[in-house]
Amino acid sequence: MNYGALVPEDESTLRYIYKGIFGGYKASFSDKYYYTQDLVYSRLESRDMWEYELNLTAAQRQLLIYHVWEVLGQKFDYFFLNENCAYQLSGLLELVIDEPLLDDSYAWYLPVEAFHRLQNIDAQRAAVGKNLVVGKIRFLPSSQRKLNYQISQLLGLEKVVLTELMGNSDVDLAALLQPFDQEAKSRILDASLAYYNYRLLKEGLEPLEETKALKQALLLARFKLPARQNTVAKVPDLPSPVSSNKPMTLGLGLGYHSIEGVYPRLRWVGYNQNTTGKNTLEGDELVLLDTAIGVAGNQHDVFLENIDFIRLRKLNKSDMAVRDSAWSWEMRTAIELNKKGVRDAAVYDGLFSFGIGKAWGIGDKMTIYAMTDMAIHSRDSFIRLRPHVAYYADTEALKLLWRIGVENFNEPQRFEMIWDGELEYQLSKQTALFFKYEEGKIRKASTELRWFW
């Protein structure tokens, strides 16, 4: 069973985001063979998945089948932040397990919420000796993760030859492979074939003739060598979504703002799914209602530092060895303190920004990306460009994000340097220390202790 929005072909990214958030799409359930869902999510869209095996009785399975028959083909309004795929599939499961998966939901219900609720239900069941809802959890790596891992297993010179074989129709295959023994040749050709299978999927129903011809040449060369045992090493499992932090965040600490100076600072994030937790999004983020409040001056005036209504970043990463044309993008809608006006009244700047660029993975722990953002502001300059590069690293307990670029925030033709950095150290599943510094039109810094729930 699958539930999803009915999105027209060739829908633009901005239109997709707007209509997804504000309910511009209809959605429906569909029943397809499991391998077709795997083809779409794991292969075409390069998504990692986790398979949750449920402990349902025969009666529960039958009830689920009957209800599925009722809803198939029905049309529903689709809202990305609440009435989405996770919400509707949780509703199906709630019906048969008779446990509250949707009660007490906030204004949003995003996919990871369903996994945390299942975990809470099983914890309560285990405490009283009842059968658990979730049985086995199995990690299903995406086609891109499998390919990158297979490439990582090659030795130094083998990777060099693989790079030569990518997209090079004039290469002398026999000459490139000649220095290697039979086992090394097999590893190189197996990795090359995996790459071209990946390329053919990405090129769709009408792949390039050159891609097909290169794969054919590699396949013929591989047929001349004997079969190998255990041709592809197993991709290491990633922890399931329940290993991550819960999405709501509260931070308490100190802030510095070039307008207000140093002050006590309270931060609340309604939904925070980004670089936190053991199971990170590897540089991606989805943040809702990121709100920071400070207390400044002898009068203990409370002021709003900023509200990020929604902040999105999607890094479609390529391994440095894999040539992939997928674009990465980011979006932000926010209000932030801009300056002091008459009688020290706070003046705020509203903004909407959208950026597009490229991202590359370096091993399992690091990512670099380059983007250019275009932003519309409510104060001068009204339209701004911000080309920048960034580096992201994740060692599970310690996470770092560093960005540097230029922005024309004073005059349309004059660009000035900007940079910022974020550092988070995970103390436990529920707590973390967080530091941030930002240098631009306004200088800002903050340090806080975070709690997740």
Protein backbone atom coordinates (compact mmCIF):
# COMPACT_ATOMS: atom_id res chain seq x y z
CA MET A 1 0.00 0.00 0.00
CA ASN A 2 1.18 3.48 -0.79
CA TYR A 3 -0.29 6.92 -0.10
CA GLY A 4 0.89 10.00 -1.91
CA ALA A 5 -0.01 13.30 -3.52
CA LEU A 6 -1.14 13.27 -7.14
CA VAL A 7 1.52 15.60 -8.52
CA PRO A 8 1.50 16.53 -12.24
CA GLU A 9 4.58 15.67 -14.27
CA ASP A 10 7.23 18.39 -14.59
CA GLU A 11 5.87 20.33 -11.59
CA SER A 12 8.32 23.07 -10.59
CA THR A 13 10.03 22.81 -7.19
CA LEU A 14 8.60 26.11 -5.87
CA ARG A 15 5.08 25.23 -6.98
CA TYR A 16 5.46 21.75 -5.46
CA ILE A 17 6.52 23.23 -2.09
CA TYR A 18 3.76 25.85 -2.05
CA LYS A 19 0.93 23.51 -3.03
CA GLY A 20 2.25 20.73 -0.78
CA ILE A 21 2.23 22.99 2.29
CA PHE A 22 -1.08 24.81 1.63
CA GLY A 23 -3.14 21.91 0.31
CA GLY A 24 -3.10 22.35 -3.45
CA TYR A 25 -2.95 18.62 -4.24
CA LYS A 26 -5.31 15.71 -3.99
CA ALA A 27 -3.92 12.37 -2.82
CA SER A 28 -4.97 8.73 -2.82
CA PHE A 29 -4.02 5.22 -1.74
CA SER A 30 -2.71 2.80 -4.32
CA ASP A 31 -1.90 -0.89 -4.21
CA LYS A 32 1.22 -1.93 -6.10
CA TYR A 33 3.70 -4.74 -5.94
CA TYR A 34 6.39 -4.13 -3.35
CA TYR A 35 9.18 -4.14 -5.93
CA THR A 36 7.56 -1.21 -7.77
CA GLN A 37 7.71 0.90 -4.61
CA ASP A 38 11.32 -0.16 -4.11
CA LEU A 39 12.07 0.85 -7.71
CA VAL A 40 10.63 4.35 -7.19
CA TYR A 41 11.97 5.16 -3.73
CA SER A 42 15.23 3.24 -3.51
CA ARG A 43 16.37 3.26 -7.13
CA LEU A 44 14.84 6.22 -8.99
CA GLU A 45 14.76 8.66 -6.05
CA SER A 46 17.81 7.22 -4.22
CA ARG A 47 16.08 7.13 -0.83
CA ASP A 48 17.22 4.97 2.06
CA MET A 49 14.36 3.00 3.61
CA TRP A 50 13.65 1.03 6.76
CA GLU A 51 11.34 -1.96 6.62
CA TYR A 52 9.22 -2.41 9.76
CA GLU A 53 7.76 -5.89 10.14
CA LEU A 54 4.52 -5.67 12.15
CA ASN A 55 3.22 -8.34 14.53
CA LEU A 56 -0.41 -8.43 13.42
CA THR A 57 -2.83 -11.24 14.17
CA ALA A 58 -4.79 -12.92 11.38
CA ALA A 59 -7.91 -10.96 12.43
CA GLN A 60 -6.01 -7.65 12.37
CA ARG A 61 -4.60 -8.38 8.92
CA GLN A 62 -8.08 -9.22 7.62
CA LEU A 63 -9.54 -6.01 9.06
CA LEU A 64 -6.72 -4.01 7.48
CA ILE A 65 -7.39 -5.61 4.08
CA TYR A 66 -11.12 -4.82 4.32
CA HIS A 67 -10.47 -1.17 5.21
CA VAL A 68 -7.85 -0.82 2.46
CA TRP A 69 -10.46 -2.06 -0.03
CA GLU A 70 -12.78 0.74 1.15
CA VAL A 71 -10.27 3.58 0.74
CA LEU A 72 -8.62 2.53 -2.53
CA GLY A 73 -9.39 5.07 -5.24
CA GLN A 74 -10.80 7.66 -2.82
CA LYS A 75 -9.40 11.19 -3.12
CA PHE A 76 -8.16 13.14 -0.09
CA ASP A 77 -6.73 16.63 0.43
CA TYR A 78 -2.95 16.45 0.83
CA PHE A 79 -0.99 18.63 3.23
CA PHE A 80 2.74 18.07 3.46
CA LEU A 81 2.96 19.11 7.13
CA ASN A 82 0.06 17.12 8.57
CA GLU A 83 -2.35 15.07 6.46
CA ASN A 84 0.47 13.39 4.56
CA CYS A 85 1.58 9.83 3.85
CA ALA A 86 2.71 9.18 7.46
CA TYR A 87 -0.58 10.51 8.85
CA GLN A 88 -2.79 8.40 6.58
CA LEU A 89 -0.76 5.19 6.95
CA SER A 90 -0.70 5.70 10.73
CA GLY A 91 -4.48 5.99 10.56
CA LEU A 92 -4.69 2.60 8.84
CA LEU A 93 -2.49 0.99 11.48
CA GLU A 94 -4.26 2.71 14.38
CA LEU A 95 -7.52 1.13 13.27
CA VAL A 96 -6.22 -2.44 13.59
CA ILE A 97 -3.84 -2.24 16.60
CA ASP A 98 -6.27 -0.10 18.65
CA GLU A 99 -3.48 2.19 19.88
CA PRO A 100 -3.33 6.02 19.66
CA LEU A 101 -1.00 6.86 16.78
CA LEU A 102 -2.79 10.10 15.86
CA ASP A 103 -4.16 11.38 19.20
CA ASP A 104 -2.67 14.58 20.61
CA SER A 105 -0.98 15.43 17.31
CA TYR A 106 0.28 18.96 16.89
CA ALA A 107 -0.40 21.21 13.91
CA TRP A 108 2.02 18.95 11.99
CA TYR A 109 2.54 15.21 11.67
CA LEU A 110 5.72 14.39 9.77
CA PRO A 111 7.02 10.88 9.04
CA VAL A 112 9.47 10.49 11.94
CA GLU A 113 6.62 11.21 14.39
CA ALA A 114 4.96 7.90 13.49
CA PHE A 115 8.12 5.96 14.37
CA HIS A 116 8.53 7.65 17.74
CA ARG A 117 4.89 6.90 18.59
CA LEU A 118 5.29 3.24 17.65
CA GLN A 119 8.35 3.10 19.89
CA ASN A 120 6.39 4.62 22.81
CA ILE A 121 3.54 2.15 22.31
CA ASP A 122 5.92 -0.82 22.34
CA ALA A 123 7.66 0.51 25.47
CA GLN A 124 4.30 0.64 27.24
CA ARG A 125 3.38 -2.84 25.98
CA ALA A 126 6.70 -4.30 27.07
CA ALA A 127 6.20 -2.89 30.59
CA VAL A 128 2.99 -4.91 31.03
CA GLY A 129 4.12 -8.02 29.17
CA LYS A 130 2.01 -7.52 26.02
CA ASN A 131 3.10 -8.43 22.49
CA LEU A 132 4.96 -5.69 20.63
CA VAL A 133 3.59 -4.04 17.50
CA VAL A 134 6.96 -3.89 15.72
CA GLY A 135 8.92 -7.07 15.05
CA LYS A 136 12.04 -6.82 12.92
CA ILE A 137 13.47 -3.58 11.51
CA ARG A 138 15.59 -3.93 8.38
CA PHE A 139 17.68 -1.25 6.65
CA LEU A 140 17.24 -1.03 2.87
CA PRO A 141 20.00 1.16 1.40
CA SER A 142 19.29 3.24 -1.68
CA SER A 143 20.84 2.41 -5.05
CA GLN A 144 23.12 5.43 -4.72
CA ARG A 145 24.35 4.39 -1.26
CA LYS A 146 25.03 0.86 -2.58
CA LEU A 147 26.96 2.25 -5.54
CA ASN A 148 29.03 4.63 -3.40
CA TYR A 149 29.86 1.83 -0.98
CA GLN A 150 30.88 -0.49 -3.81
CA ILE A 151 33.16 2.20 -5.21
CA SER A 152 34.65 2.79 -1.76
CA GLN A 153 35.79 -0.84 -1.67
CA LEU A 154 38.08 -0.34 -4.70
CA LEU A 155 41.78 0.17 -4.15
CA GLY A 156 43.58 3.40 -5.16
CA LEU A 157 44.51 2.69 -8.80
CA GLU A 158 41.26 0.79 -9.33
CA LYS A 159 39.32 3.99 -8.53
CA VAL A 160 41.44 5.92 -11.01
CA VAL A 161 40.53 3.45 -13.78
CA LEU A 162 36.85 3.57 -12.77
CA THR A 163 36.88 7.36 -13.12
CA GLU A 164 38.35 6.98 -16.64
CA LEU A 165 35.53 4.59 -17.56
CA MET A 166 32.76 6.99 -16.48
CA GLY A 167 31.32 8.71 -19.52
CA ASN A 168 34.40 8.24 -21.69
CA SER A 169 33.42 6.62 -24.98
CA ASP A 170 36.96 6.81 -26.43
CA VAL A 171 38.70 4.86 -23.68
CA ASP A 172 40.86 1.86 -24.54
CA LEU A 173 39.31 -0.64 -22.15
CA ALA A 174 41.84 -3.42 -22.71
CA ALA A 175 44.79 -1.08 -22.16
CA LEU A 176 43.29 0.35 -18.95
CA LEU A 177 42.69 -3.11 -17.46
CA GLN A 178 45.94 -4.70 -18.66
CA PRO A 179 48.08 -3.90 -15.52
CA PHE A 180 45.61 -5.59 -13.14
CA ASP A 181 45.17 -9.21 -12.17
CA GLN A 182 41.95 -11.08 -12.83
CA GLU A 183 40.36 -10.31 -9.44
CA ALA A 184 41.09 -6.59 -9.71
CA LYS A 185 39.72 -6.48 -13.25
CA SER A 186 36.51 -8.09 -12.02
CA ARG A 187 36.15 -5.56 -9.20
CA ILE A 188 36.64 -2.62 -11.58
CA LEU A 189 34.19 -3.97 -14.16
CA ASP A 190 31.57 -4.88 -11.53
CA ALA A 191 31.75 -1.35 -10.09
CA SER A 192 31.60 0.17 -13.57
CA LEU A 193 28.53 -1.88 -14.46
CA ALA A 194 26.87 -0.85 -11.20
CA TYR A 195 27.56 2.79 -12.11
CA TYR A 196 26.07 2.44 -15.60
CA ASN A 197 23.00 0.62 -14.26
CA TYR A 198 22.56 3.61 -11.93
CA ARG A 199 23.04 6.04 -14.84
CA LEU A 200 20.48 4.23 -17.00
CA LEU A 201 17.89 4.48 -14.21
CA LYS A 202 18.52 8.20 -13.85
CA GLU A 203 18.25 8.79 -17.60
CA GLY A 204 14.72 7.34 -17.62
CA LEU A 205 12.78 5.67 -20.39
CA GLU A 206 14.94 7.10 -23.18
CA PRO A 207 18.57 6.71 -22.04
CA LEU A 208 21.43 8.08 -24.11
CA GLU A 209 22.77 5.76 -26.79
CA GLU A 210 26.29 6.45 -25.52
CA THR A 211 25.35 5.21 -22.03
CA LYS A 212 23.91 1.99 -23.44
CA ALA A 213 26.93 1.43 -25.67
CA LEU A 214 29.42 1.92 -22.82
CA LYS A 215 27.50 -0.49 -20.61
CA GLN A 216 27.45 -3.04 -23.42
CA ALA A 217 31.24 -2.82 -23.87
CA LEU A 218 31.81 -3.26 -20.13
CA LEU A 219 29.41 -6.20 -20.01
CA LEU A 220 31.20 -7.99 -22.85
CA ALA A 221 34.54 -7.47 -21.08
CA ARG A 222 33.11 -8.83 -17.84
CA PHE A 223 31.77 -11.97 -19.56
CA LYS A 224 35.35 -12.90 -20.48
CA LEU A 225 36.29 -13.18 -16.80
CA PRO A 226 35.18 -15.88 -14.35
CA ALA A 227 32.40 -15.38 -11.81
CA ARG A 228 33.26 -14.04 -8.35
CA GLN A 229 32.01 -15.12 -4.95
CA ASN A 230 30.39 -12.34 -2.85
CA THR A 231 30.67 -9.76 -5.61
CA VAL A 232 29.33 -6.83 -3.55
CA ALA A 233 30.04 -6.26 0.14
CA LYS A 234 26.98 -5.57 2.29
CA VAL A 235 26.34 -1.90 2.99
CA PRO A 236 26.61 -1.27 6.75
CA ASP A 237 23.23 -0.79 8.41
CA LEU A 238 22.12 2.67 9.47
CA PRO A 239 20.07 2.96 12.69
CA SER A 240 16.33 3.28 12.24
CA PRO A 241 14.53 6.63 12.64
CA VAL A 242 13.65 5.87 16.28
CA SER A 243 17.34 6.27 17.12
CA SER A 244 17.18 9.97 16.30
CA ASN A 245 16.23 12.82 18.62
CA LYS A 246 12.58 13.68 18.98
CA PRO A 247 11.66 16.59 16.73
CA MET A 248 10.61 19.33 19.18
CA THR A 249 13.50 21.36 20.59
CA LEU A 250 13.97 23.75 23.53
CA GLY A 251 17.21 25.69 23.94
CA LEU A 252 18.35 27.86 26.86
CA GLY A 253 21.57 29.89 26.86
CA LEU A 254 23.20 33.19 25.90
CA GLY A 255 22.97 35.20 22.71
CA TYR A 256 24.88 38.09 21.19
CA HIS A 257 23.44 40.49 18.62
CA SER A 258 25.26 43.55 17.25
CA ILE A 259 22.15 45.59 18.07
CA GLU A 260 21.30 44.22 21.53
CA GLY A 261 24.69 43.06 22.87
CA VAL A 262 24.82 39.99 25.15
CA TYR A 263 21.56 38.68 26.62
CA PRO A 264 19.86 35.55 28.01
CA ARG A 265 18.23 33.66 25.17
CA LEU A 266 15.37 31.17 24.87
CA ARG A 267 14.89 29.15 21.69
CA TRP A 268 11.96 26.90 20.77
CA VAL A 269 11.65 24.85 17.58
CA GLY A 270 8.27 23.33 16.77
CA TYR A 271 9.72 20.67 14.50
CA ASN A 272 13.43 20.11 14.05
CA GLN A 273 14.61 17.34 11.75
CA ASN A 274 18.11 18.14 10.62
CA THR A 275 21.63 17.39 11.81
CA THR A 276 20.64 16.19 15.26
CA GLY A 277 20.46 12.61 16.43
CA LYS A 278 22.23 9.38 15.58
CA ASN A 279 20.25 8.96 12.38
CA THR A 280 20.92 12.32 10.75
CA LEU A 281 19.71 13.62 7.45
CA GLU A 282 23.38 14.00 6.42
CA GLY A 283 23.16 17.73 5.89
CA ASP A 284 19.48 17.92 4.92
CA GLU A 285 17.04 19.72 7.18
CA LEU A 286 13.35 20.41 7.74
CA VAL A 287 12.69 23.01 10.45
CA LEU A 288 9.38 24.62 11.42
CA LEU A 289 8.84 27.64 13.69
CA ASP A 290 12.43 28.10 14.83
CA THR A 291 11.88 30.95 17.34
CA ALA A 292 14.49 32.80 19.42
CA ILE A 293 13.61 35.30 22.18
CA GLY A 294 16.05 37.42 24.18
CA VAL A 295 15.96 39.58 27.32
CA ALA A 296 18.05 42.75 26.94
CA GLY A 297 18.94 45.88 28.89
CA ASN A 298 18.44 47.00 32.45
CA GLN A 299 14.70 47.14 31.87
CA HIS A 300 14.70 43.41 31.06
CA ASP A 301 12.94 44.08 27.79
CA VAL A 302 11.86 40.92 26.00
CA PHE A 303 12.46 41.02 22.27
CA LEU A 304 12.08 38.67 19.33
CA GLU A 305 15.39 37.81 17.68
CA ASN A 306 13.95 35.80 14.79
CA ILE A 307 11.29 33.37 13.62
CA ASP A 308 12.10 30.92 10.83
CA PHE A 309 8.64 29.80 9.76
CA ILE A 310 10.04 27.07 7.55
CA ARG A 311 13.60 26.16 6.60
CA LEU A 312 14.36 23.38 4.11
CA ARG A 313 17.57 21.99 2.67
CA LYS A 314 17.84 18.99 0.34
CA LEU A 315 21.31 17.84 -0.65
CA ASN A 316 21.19 15.41 -3.57
CA LYS A 317 24.73 14.27 -3.02
CA SER A 318 27.02 12.59 -5.47
CA ASP A 319 30.09 10.69 -4.43
CA MET A 320 33.16 12.60 -5.60
CA ALA A 321 33.79 9.71 -8.01
CA VAL A 322 30.23 9.52 -9.33
CA ARG A 323 29.11 12.05 -11.91
CA ASP A 324 25.48 12.83 -11.14
CA SER A 325 23.38 15.70 -12.47
CA ALA A 326 20.91 15.95 -9.54
CA TRP A 327 20.48 19.45 -8.14
CA SER A 328 20.44 20.39 -4.46
CA TRP A 329 18.28 23.19 -3.08
CA GLU A 330 17.32 25.11 0.05
CA MET A 331 14.51 27.45 1.10
CA ARG A 332 13.83 29.78 4.02
CA THR A 333 10.92 31.99 5.11
CA ALA A 334 11.64 34.12 8.17
CA ILE A 335 11.40 37.37 10.14
CA GLU A 336 14.53 38.62 11.91
CA LEU A 337 15.63 41.62 13.95
CA ASN A 338 17.19 44.18 11.60
CA LYS A 339 17.91 47.37 13.57
CA LYS A 340 16.63 49.80 16.20
CA GLY A 341 14.27 52.54 15.03
CA VAL A 342 12.72 55.60 16.69
CA ARG A 343 12.81 55.41 20.51
CA ASP A 344 14.71 52.15 20.29
CA ALA A 345 11.75 50.36 18.71
CA ALA A 346 12.76 47.10 17.05
CA VAL A 347 12.66 47.04 13.26
CA TYR A 348 12.26 43.66 11.57
CA ASP A 349 13.10 42.32 8.13
CA GLY A 350 10.90 39.70 6.48
CA LEU A 351 12.48 37.44 3.89
CA PHE A 352 11.94 34.58 1.52
CA SER A 353 14.95 32.89 -0.04
CA PHE A 354 15.46 30.01 -2.42
CA GLY A 355 18.78 28.53 -3.49
CA ILE A 356 20.00 25.89 -5.90
CA GLY A 357 23.37 24.21 -6.34
CA LYS A 358 25.39 21.01 -6.20
CA ALA A 359 26.50 18.74 -3.35
CA TRP A 360 29.14 16.03 -3.07
CA GLY A 361 29.67 13.39 -0.40
CA ILE A 362 33.19 12.71 0.86
CA GLY A 363 33.13 9.30 2.51
CA ASP A 364 30.40 8.64 5.08
CA LYS A 365 31.04 11.60 7.36
CA MET A 366 31.52 14.71 5.22
CA THR A 367 29.63 16.74 2.62
CA ILE A 368 30.51 19.84 0.66
CA TYR A 369 28.08 21.91 -1.38
CA ALA A 370 27.92 25.11 -3.40
CA MET A 371 24.72 27.13 -3.81
CA THR A 372 23.44 30.49 -4.91
CA ASP A 373 20.45 31.85 -2.98
CA MET A 374 18.13 34.58 -4.22
CA ALA A 375 16.23 36.35 -1.45
CA ILE A 376 13.36 38.84 -1.36
CA HIS A 377 13.53 41.13 1.71
CA SER A 378 11.10 43.66 3.16
CA ARG A 379 13.97 46.11 3.76
CA ASP A 380 16.91 47.38 1.62
CA SER A 381 18.28 45.77 -0.42
CA PHE A 382 15.01 44.20 -1.41
CA ILE A 383 16.49 41.59 -3.74
CA ARG A 384 19.75 39.92 -2.74
CA LEU A 385 22.02 37.21 -4.07
CA ARG A 386 24.11 34.99 -1.83
CA PRO A 387 26.50 32.57 -3.57
CA HIS A 388 28.24 30.43 -0.97
CA VAL A 389 30.04 27.17 -0.32
CA ALA A 390 29.62 24.98 2.74
CA TYR A 391 31.24 22.08 4.55
CA TYR A 392 29.31 19.64 6.75
CA ALA A 393 30.82 16.92 8.95
CA ASP A 394 29.13 14.39 11.23
CA THR A 395 30.94 12.08 13.66
CA GLU A 396 27.66 11.15 15.43
CA ALA A 397 28.46 12.90 18.73
CA LEU A 398 29.94 16.00 17.06
CA LYS A 399 28.46 17.85 14.10
CA LEU A 400 29.84 20.85 12.23
CA LEU A 401 28.43 23.11 9.52
CA TRP A 402 30.56 25.95 8.09
CA ARG A 403 29.55 28.31 5.27
CA ILE A 404 31.32 31.17 3.50
CA GLY A 405 30.20 33.39 0.62
CA VAL A 406 29.23 36.90 -0.44
CA GLU A 407 25.98 38.88 -0.35
CA ASN A 408 24.83 42.26 -1.69
CA PHE A 409 22.97 43.37 1.45
CA ASN A 410 23.89 47.08 1.32
CA GLU A 411 23.98 47.95 -2.38
CA PRO A 412 22.73 45.88 -5.34
CA GLN A 413 26.12 46.03 -7.11
CA ARG A 414 28.35 45.61 -4.05
CA PHE A 415 29.00 42.19 -2.58
CA GLU A 416 30.48 41.74 0.88
CA MET A 417 31.85 38.63 2.56
CA ILE A 418 29.63 36.61 4.90
CA TRP A 419 30.26 33.46 6.88
CA ASP A 420 28.74 31.43 9.68
CA GLY A 421 29.42 28.24 11.58
CA GLU A 422 27.41 25.81 13.71
CA LEU A 423 28.76 23.22 16.13
CA GLU A 424 26.71 20.70 18.10
CA TYR A 425 27.90 18.16 20.63
CA GLN A 426 25.46 15.39 21.54
CA LEU A 427 25.37 14.74 25.30
CA SER A 428 22.58 12.15 25.15
CA LYS A 429 19.56 11.27 23.06
CA GLN A 430 17.64 14.03 24.86
CA THR A 431 20.29 16.78 25.23
CA ALA A 432 23.01 18.55 23.26
CA LEU A 433 25.28 21.61 23.45
CA PHE A 434 24.97 24.00 20.50
CA PHE A 435 27.14 26.94 19.35
CA LYS A 436 26.60 29.30 16.40
CA TYR A 437 28.39 32.37 15.04
CA GLU A 438 27.26 34.50 12.09
CA GLU A 439 29.17 37.35 10.40
CA GLY A 440 27.34 39.47 7.83
CA LYS A 441 25.21 42.60 7.82
CA ILE A 442 24.52 41.75 11.46
CA ARG A 443 26.95 39.94 13.74
CA LYS A 444 25.27 37.25 15.85
CA ALA A 445 26.39 34.48 18.18
CA SER A 446 24.68 32.04 20.52
CA THR A 447 25.38 29.14 22.83
CA GLU A 448 22.66 26.96 24.29
CA LEU A 449 21.81 23.70 25.96
CA ARG A 450 19.18 21.86 23.93
CA TRP A 451 16.49 19.44 25.04
CA PHE A 452 14.55 17.24 22.60
CA TRP A 453 11.06 15.84 23.15
